[in-house]
Amino acid sequence: MTTIRDVARAAGVSIATVSRVFNGNPRVGEDTALRVWDAAGELDYWPNGAARSLTTSRTQTLGVLLPDLYGDFFSEVIRGIDQAARRAHFQILLSSSHADPIEIVAAARAMRGRVDGLIIMASDRGTAEAVLGFLGRQPLVFLNPYLDPDGCSAVSIDNRAGGRSAVEHLIALGHRVIATVRGPEGNIDAEERLGGYRDALAGAGLSASPQLELPGDFTETAGFRAVSGLLAAVPRPTAVFAANDAMAAGLLGGLRDAGVAVPGEMAVVGFDDIGVARCLTPPLTSVRVDVCELGRRAVQLLLETVGPDGPAPCRREVLPARLVLRESCGCRSRTELPVLARGAGDSGERDRI
């Protein structure tokens, strides 16, 4: 029967070092940790997680609670979380709450004692209040929190600056009647992106109009339905900023069905720069955020909280957003815009930012 002593001998390290690797101690170098895990794999030896958790009070598992698991945005968040967790030799336990405070508290209760800490996306007030009221001292990191969490770390997207840059670009292209399709009521991402839209209009001396702020819910269907409101507005807008790319995709489909040329008759800009944005017709101008990095940073902040040396001070991080220009806004005719080549291994398209 293979033992931890066999793993230590095969890896050329001490038994104590093997134990530190299995317990996720950050003081062990990456090369040493990889050598230990390789040796364990070759010997088909895996530490007994249940026994280890009894002696260390650690489960080597992180809980993740998201409003939804569907769509490019959430899949990228999960990918970032999973990459960072596996790198630290943690597993993740994942659940979806559908933005229901009762469901998210039930899921958090079910995970208690089974995870070392939680990563929670609580982008609406009800969910944020419910989570903070229930969890108490549970190690916790928020993603895009509606409330500024006291005693918890958080990582967010610079939604307001991103929304402002999108609309400022449309104004720079000469548009003066610019609509927006909002996100869900009470959602912090939606509110901040709407705030950026209004900031850009005010900065250019343009008035915000309720008839140009169309309702939405971050789905393609909402973008498609918003087309009727765009076409009924007087004066008709010549550009529209969608609060996410799913709604922008719905807008493109609805405008195409209505015979409205994009960008000739109406420019369209989205937010998130999901993977299919460049594959739409026309390719979508969008505000890019590194959603995968959002997940990775959440794990790193949580590991600082549950580390063997005790919790690190709470931190609030904000990830930058930048505008990626493609054909849907009509920018192809503006040759003076700078061009940035994307990294090696990309599809070859050059996005202007």
Protein backbone atom coordinates (compact mmCIF):
# COMPACT_ATOMS: atom_id res chain seq x y z
CA MET A 1 0.00 0.00 0.00
CA THR A 2 1.44 3.36 -1.04
CA THR A 3 2.05 5.84 1.79
CA ILE A 4 3.00 9.50 2.10
CA ARG A 5 6.54 8.28 2.86
CA ASP A 6 6.69 6.70 -0.63
CA VAL A 7 5.58 9.97 -2.22
CA ALA A 8 8.24 11.90 -0.31
CA ARG A 9 10.94 9.44 -1.40
CA ALA A 10 9.84 9.58 -5.07
CA ALA A 11 9.72 13.40 -5.06
CA GLY A 12 13.03 13.73 -3.19
CA VAL A 13 11.55 15.80 -0.38
CA SER A 14 10.67 15.34 3.27
CA ILE A 15 7.38 13.94 4.54
CA ALA A 16 6.68 17.36 6.09
CA THR A 17 7.04 19.00 2.66
CA VAL A 18 4.61 16.53 1.12
CA SER A 19 2.15 17.28 3.91
CA ARG A 20 2.51 21.02 3.32
CA VAL A 21 1.83 20.54 -0.40
CA PHE A 22 -1.28 18.48 0.24
CA ASN A 23 -2.52 21.11 2.70
CA GLY A 24 -1.97 23.97 0.22
CA ASN A 25 0.73 25.75 2.20
CA PRO A 26 1.85 28.71 0.02
CA ARG A 27 5.39 28.58 1.45
CA VAL A 28 6.20 25.56 -0.72
CA GLY A 29 7.72 26.57 -4.06
CA GLU A 30 5.75 25.87 -7.22
CA ASP A 31 8.42 23.54 -8.67
CA THR A 32 8.52 21.51 -5.48
CA ALA A 33 4.73 21.31 -5.28
CA LEU A 34 4.50 20.13 -8.89
CA ARG A 35 7.14 17.48 -8.23
CA VAL A 36 5.16 16.20 -5.25
CA TRP A 37 1.89 16.09 -7.17
CA ASP A 38 3.58 14.34 -10.09
CA ALA A 39 5.01 11.73 -7.74
CA ALA A 40 1.63 11.23 -6.11
CA GLY A 41 0.03 10.74 -9.50
CA GLU A 42 2.63 8.21 -10.65
CA LEU A 43 2.19 6.25 -7.41
CA ASP A 44 -1.61 6.58 -7.57
CA TYR A 45 -1.60 8.10 -4.10
CA TRP A 46 -4.09 10.76 -3.10
CA PRO A 47 -4.43 12.23 0.38
CA ASN A 48 -7.51 11.34 2.37
CA GLY A 49 -9.46 14.59 2.23
CA ALA A 50 -11.83 13.70 5.05
CA ALA A 51 -9.01 12.72 7.40
CA ARG A 52 -6.98 15.78 6.42
CA SER A 53 -9.89 18.12 7.11
CA LEU A 54 -10.23 16.65 10.63
CA THR A 55 -6.62 17.41 11.46
CA THR A 56 -6.30 20.76 9.71
CA SER A 57 -9.90 22.08 9.84
CA ARG A 58 -9.50 22.63 6.10
CA THR A 59 -11.49 21.04 3.30
CA GLN A 60 -9.36 22.34 0.39
CA THR A 61 -12.63 23.35 -1.24
CA LEU A 62 -14.00 26.79 -2.10
CA GLY A 63 -17.70 27.46 -2.51
CA VAL A 64 -18.91 29.56 -5.44
CA LEU A 65 -22.41 31.05 -5.59
CA LEU A 66 -23.41 32.82 -8.82
CA PRO A 67 -26.76 34.22 -9.99
CA ASP A 68 -26.64 32.00 -13.08
CA LEU A 69 -24.39 29.48 -14.80
CA TYR A 70 -25.56 30.17 -18.36
CA GLY A 71 -23.80 32.34 -20.91
CA ASP A 72 -20.31 33.46 -21.85
CA PHE A 73 -19.96 35.87 -18.94
CA PHE A 74 -20.54 33.28 -16.21
CA SER A 75 -18.58 30.57 -17.98
CA GLU A 76 -15.56 32.90 -18.07
CA VAL A 77 -15.96 33.76 -14.37
CA ILE A 78 -16.08 30.04 -13.55
CA ARG A 79 -13.07 29.34 -15.76
CA GLY A 80 -11.01 31.95 -13.92
CA ILE A 81 -12.10 30.65 -10.51
CA ASP A 82 -11.36 27.04 -11.45
CA GLN A 83 -7.92 27.85 -12.89
CA ALA A 84 -6.82 29.75 -9.79
CA ALA A 85 -8.30 27.19 -7.40
CA ARG A 86 -6.64 24.21 -9.10
CA ARG A 87 -3.32 26.05 -9.18
CA ALA A 88 -3.57 26.29 -5.38
CA HIS A 89 -4.74 22.64 -5.16
CA PHE A 90 -8.28 23.55 -4.16
CA GLN A 91 -11.51 22.20 -5.58
CA ILE A 92 -14.65 24.29 -6.12
CA LEU A 93 -18.23 23.59 -5.13
CA LEU A 94 -20.53 25.52 -7.46
CA SER A 95 -24.17 26.55 -7.16
CA SER A 96 -26.56 28.93 -8.90
CA SER A 97 -29.02 31.08 -6.97
CA HIS A 98 -30.83 32.78 -9.88
CA ALA A 99 -30.44 36.03 -7.91
CA ASP A 100 -32.95 34.80 -5.32
CA PRO A 101 -31.91 35.79 -1.76
CA ILE A 102 -33.69 32.77 -0.27
CA GLU A 103 -31.96 30.37 -2.66
CA ILE A 104 -28.52 31.87 -2.16
CA VAL A 105 -28.82 31.65 1.63
CA ALA A 106 -30.02 28.04 1.34
CA ALA A 107 -27.05 27.21 -0.89
CA ALA A 108 -24.63 28.94 1.48
CA ARG A 109 -26.12 27.04 4.41
CA ALA A 110 -25.69 23.74 2.56
CA MET A 111 -22.02 24.55 1.93
CA ARG A 112 -21.23 25.51 5.51
CA GLY A 113 -18.63 23.12 6.93
CA ARG A 114 -17.91 21.73 3.45
CA VAL A 115 -15.87 24.67 2.16
CA ASP A 116 -13.07 26.84 3.51
CA GLY A 117 -14.61 30.03 2.14
CA LEU A 118 -17.13 31.41 -0.31
CA ILE A 119 -17.05 33.49 -3.47
CA ILE A 120 -20.42 35.11 -4.03
CA MET A 121 -21.78 37.35 -6.75
CA ALA A 122 -24.39 39.51 -5.07
CA SER A 123 -25.06 42.24 -7.62
CA ASP A 124 -28.49 43.23 -6.27
CA ARG A 125 -29.32 44.75 -2.89
CA GLY A 126 -31.58 41.94 -1.63
CA THR A 127 -29.01 39.23 -2.24
CA ALA A 128 -26.16 41.27 -0.75
CA GLU A 129 -28.12 42.04 2.43
CA ALA A 130 -29.25 38.43 2.81
CA VAL A 131 -25.73 37.06 2.41
CA LEU A 132 -24.10 39.50 4.81
CA GLY A 133 -26.84 38.95 7.37
CA PHE A 134 -26.53 35.17 7.25
CA LEU A 135 -22.86 34.41 6.88
CA GLY A 136 -21.35 36.38 9.72
CA ARG A 137 -17.65 35.54 9.97
CA GLN A 138 -17.55 32.98 7.15
CA PRO A 139 -14.51 33.77 4.93
CA LEU A 140 -16.05 35.52 1.97
CA VAL A 141 -15.15 37.40 -1.21
CA PHE A 142 -17.76 39.32 -3.18
CA LEU A 143 -17.88 39.68 -6.96
CA ASN A 144 -19.39 42.97 -8.14
CA PRO A 145 -21.22 43.57 -4.84
CA TYR A 146 -24.23 45.88 -4.66
CA LEU A 147 -23.20 46.96 -1.16
CA ASP A 148 -19.70 47.84 -0.02
CA PRO A 149 -19.08 44.76 2.18
CA ASP A 150 -17.76 45.52 5.66
CA GLY A 151 -15.12 43.03 6.73
CA CYS A 152 -14.98 41.22 3.36
CA SER A 153 -12.78 41.53 0.31
CA ALA A 154 -14.34 42.25 -3.05
CA VAL A 155 -13.39 42.52 -6.71
CA SER A 156 -15.44 44.49 -9.21
CA ILE A 157 -15.50 45.77 -12.78
CA ASP A 158 -15.17 49.49 -13.52
CA ASN A 159 -18.65 49.54 -15.03
CA ARG A 160 -19.24 53.27 -14.86
CA ALA A 161 -16.01 54.23 -16.62
CA GLY A 162 -16.63 51.54 -19.24
CA GLY A 163 -20.13 52.76 -19.99
CA ARG A 164 -18.95 56.36 -20.14
CA SER A 165 -16.17 55.52 -22.61
CA ALA A 166 -18.60 53.70 -24.91
CA VAL A 167 -21.00 56.62 -25.12
CA GLU A 168 -18.22 59.22 -25.34
CA HIS A 169 -16.96 57.34 -28.39
CA LEU A 170 -20.41 57.47 -30.01
CA ILE A 171 -20.54 61.21 -29.30
CA ALA A 172 -17.09 61.62 -30.86
CA LEU A 173 -18.42 59.91 -33.98
CA GLY A 174 -21.03 62.67 -34.26
CA HIS A 175 -24.10 61.04 -32.67
CA ARG A 176 -26.34 63.32 -30.63
CA VAL A 177 -29.44 61.18 -30.07
CA ILE A 178 -28.12 58.08 -28.28
CA ALA A 179 -30.31 55.47 -26.62
CA THR A 180 -29.41 52.77 -24.11
CA VAL A 181 -30.88 49.38 -23.25
CA ARG A 182 -30.57 49.05 -19.48
CA GLY A 183 -29.87 45.97 -17.41
CA PRO A 184 -32.18 44.61 -14.68
CA GLU A 185 -33.64 46.99 -12.11
CA GLY A 186 -31.69 46.89 -8.84
CA ASN A 187 -28.59 45.32 -10.38
CA ILE A 188 -25.37 47.17 -9.55
CA ASP A 189 -23.71 46.45 -12.91
CA ALA A 190 -26.76 47.79 -14.73
CA GLU A 191 -26.96 50.88 -12.52
CA GLU A 192 -23.27 51.74 -12.92
CA ARG A 193 -23.32 51.28 -16.69
CA LEU A 194 -26.42 53.47 -16.91
CA GLY A 195 -24.59 56.02 -14.78
CA GLY A 196 -21.70 56.00 -17.24
CA TYR A 197 -24.15 56.57 -20.12
CA ARG A 198 -25.65 59.57 -18.34
CA ASP A 199 -22.21 60.92 -17.39
CA ALA A 200 -21.12 60.92 -21.03
CA LEU A 201 -24.27 62.71 -22.18
CA ALA A 202 -23.97 65.33 -19.46
CA GLY A 203 -20.29 65.86 -20.26
CA ALA A 204 -21.22 66.65 -23.87
CA GLY A 205 -24.09 68.95 -22.90
CA LEU A 206 -26.71 66.43 -24.05
CA SER A 207 -29.88 65.76 -22.09
CA ALA A 208 -30.84 62.27 -20.95
CA SER A 209 -34.36 61.29 -22.00
CA PRO A 210 -36.50 58.59 -20.31
CA GLN A 211 -37.80 57.44 -23.70
CA LEU A 212 -34.23 56.69 -24.74
CA GLU A 213 -33.52 54.56 -21.65
CA LEU A 214 -35.17 51.31 -22.67
CA PRO A 215 -35.80 48.45 -20.21
CA GLY A 216 -33.72 45.29 -20.40
CA ASP A 217 -32.62 42.27 -18.40
CA PHE A 218 -29.25 41.24 -19.90
CA THR A 219 -30.84 38.73 -22.31
CA GLU A 220 -30.88 38.63 -26.11
CA THR A 221 -34.68 38.72 -26.02
CA ALA A 222 -34.63 42.04 -24.18
CA GLY A 223 -32.38 43.54 -26.86
CA PHE A 224 -34.60 42.25 -29.63
CA ARG A 225 -37.72 43.70 -27.97
CA ALA A 226 -36.01 47.06 -27.43
CA VAL A 227 -35.88 47.64 -31.19
CA SER A 228 -39.56 48.64 -31.30
CA GLY A 229 -38.89 51.35 -28.70
CA LEU A 230 -35.88 52.60 -30.63
CA LEU A 231 -37.84 52.91 -33.86
CA ALA A 232 -40.80 54.60 -32.14
CA ALA A 233 -38.69 57.29 -30.43
CA VAL A 234 -38.93 60.85 -31.75
CA PRO A 235 -36.41 61.86 -32.81
CA ARG A 236 -35.16 58.42 -33.70
CA PRO A 237 -31.74 57.68 -32.13
CA THR A 238 -28.81 57.14 -34.43
CA ALA A 239 -26.86 55.08 -31.89
CA VAL A 240 -27.59 52.75 -28.97
CA PHE A 241 -25.48 51.51 -26.06
CA ALA A 242 -26.55 48.10 -24.74
CA ALA A 243 -25.62 47.33 -21.14
CA ASN A 244 -24.28 43.92 -22.16
CA ASP A 245 -23.38 42.01 -25.31
CA ALA A 246 -26.29 39.59 -25.13
CA MET A 247 -28.73 42.49 -25.48
CA ALA A 248 -26.52 44.04 -28.18
CA ALA A 249 -26.77 40.77 -30.13
CA GLY A 250 -30.55 40.90 -29.80
CA LEU A 251 -30.50 44.50 -31.02
CA LEU A 252 -28.51 43.54 -34.11
CA GLY A 253 -31.01 40.80 -34.93
CA GLY A 254 -34.02 43.03 -34.38
CA LEU A 255 -32.58 45.91 -36.40
CA ARG A 256 -31.73 43.54 -39.23
CA ASP A 257 -35.31 42.22 -39.25
CA ALA A 258 -36.61 45.80 -39.29
CA GLY A 259 -34.42 46.69 -42.26
CA VAL A 260 -32.30 49.17 -40.29
CA ALA A 261 -28.67 49.16 -41.44
CA VAL A 262 -25.96 48.89 -38.78
CA PRO A 263 -23.94 51.05 -38.53
CA GLY A 264 -25.23 53.11 -41.48
CA GLU A 265 -28.56 54.04 -39.88
CA MET A 266 -27.88 53.09 -36.28
CA ALA A 267 -24.61 52.40 -34.46
CA VAL A 268 -24.56 49.72 -31.75
CA VAL A 269 -22.13 49.27 -28.84
CA GLY A 270 -22.23 46.53 -26.18
CA PHE A 271 -20.49 45.70 -22.93
CA ASP A 272 -18.40 42.65 -21.81
CA ASP A 273 -16.79 41.78 -25.17
CA ILE A 274 -17.84 38.14 -24.97
CA GLY A 275 -16.23 35.66 -27.33
CA VAL A 276 -18.90 35.86 -30.05
CA ALA A 277 -18.82 39.67 -30.23
CA ARG A 278 -16.37 39.64 -33.13
CA CYS A 279 -18.40 36.95 -34.93
CA LEU A 280 -21.65 38.94 -35.05
CA THR A 281 -22.80 40.75 -38.19
CA PRO A 282 -21.43 43.34 -38.15
CA PRO A 283 -18.70 42.61 -35.58
CA LEU A 284 -19.67 44.28 -32.31
CA THR A 285 -17.91 47.23 -30.73
CA SER A 286 -17.90 46.46 -27.02
CA VAL A 287 -16.39 47.37 -23.66
CA ARG A 288 -13.92 44.63 -22.76
CA VAL A 289 -13.46 43.36 -19.24
CA ASP A 290 -11.26 40.41 -18.36
CA VAL A 291 -14.00 38.32 -16.77
CA CYS A 292 -11.68 35.34 -16.37
CA GLU A 293 -9.34 37.58 -14.35
CA LEU A 294 -12.32 38.61 -12.21
CA GLY A 295 -12.67 34.98 -11.14
CA ARG A 296 -8.95 34.49 -10.64
CA ARG A 297 -8.61 37.57 -8.45
CA ALA A 298 -11.57 36.47 -6.33
CA VAL A 299 -9.82 33.17 -5.57
CA GLN A 300 -6.54 34.89 -4.75
CA LEU A 301 -8.28 37.27 -2.36
CA LEU A 302 -10.14 34.39 -0.71
CA LEU A 303 -6.95 32.34 -0.30
CA GLU A 304 -5.41 35.31 1.50
CA THR A 305 -8.34 35.13 3.91
CA VAL A 306 -8.21 31.37 4.57
CA GLY A 307 -4.41 30.99 4.44
CA PRO A 308 -2.44 29.20 7.19
CA ASP A 309 -0.96 32.48 8.42
CA GLY A 310 -4.35 33.93 9.24
CA PRO A 311 -6.52 36.35 7.31
CA ALA A 312 -4.93 39.20 5.39
CA PRO A 313 -6.49 42.69 5.54
CA CYS A 314 -9.65 43.02 3.45
CA ARG A 315 -9.18 44.60 0.06
CA ARG A 316 -11.39 46.09 -2.62
CA GLU A 317 -10.11 45.75 -6.19
CA VAL A 318 -11.58 47.24 -9.36
CA LEU A 319 -10.65 45.78 -12.74
CA PRO A 320 -10.35 48.22 -15.65
CA ALA A 321 -12.63 48.23 -18.69
CA ARG A 322 -11.60 49.35 -22.17
CA LEU A 323 -13.43 49.95 -25.41
CA VAL A 324 -12.72 47.61 -28.33
CA LEU A 325 -13.72 49.13 -31.68
CA ARG A 326 -15.23 47.04 -34.46
CA GLU A 327 -17.65 47.70 -37.30
CA SER A 328 -20.98 48.01 -35.44
CA CYS A 329 -20.23 51.61 -34.40
CA GLY A 330 -18.98 52.68 -37.83
CA CYS A 331 -15.41 53.25 -36.67
CA ARG A 332 -13.81 51.48 -39.64
CA SER A 333 -13.91 54.75 -41.57
CA ARG A 334 -11.91 56.55 -38.85
CA THR A 335 -8.41 55.62 -39.90
CA GLU A 336 -6.79 57.94 -37.38
CA LEU A 337 -7.77 55.63 -34.49
CA PRO A 338 -4.83 53.68 -33.04
CA VAL A 339 -4.59 49.99 -33.85
CA LEU A 340 -3.41 47.35 -31.41
CA ALA A 341 -2.50 43.86 -32.57
CA ARG A 342 -3.85 41.07 -30.39
CA GLY A 343 -1.56 38.48 -28.89
CA ALA A 344 -0.11 35.39 -30.51
CA GLY A 345 -2.50 32.52 -31.02
CA ASP A 346 -5.44 34.82 -31.67
CA SER A 347 -7.62 34.58 -34.72
CA GLY A 348 -5.67 37.35 -36.44
CA GLU A 349 -8.26 40.11 -36.21
CA ARG A 350 -6.82 43.47 -35.15
CA ASP A 351 -9.03 45.31 -32.70
CA ARG A 352 -8.73 49.06 -32.33
CA ILE A 353 -8.97 50.27 -28.76
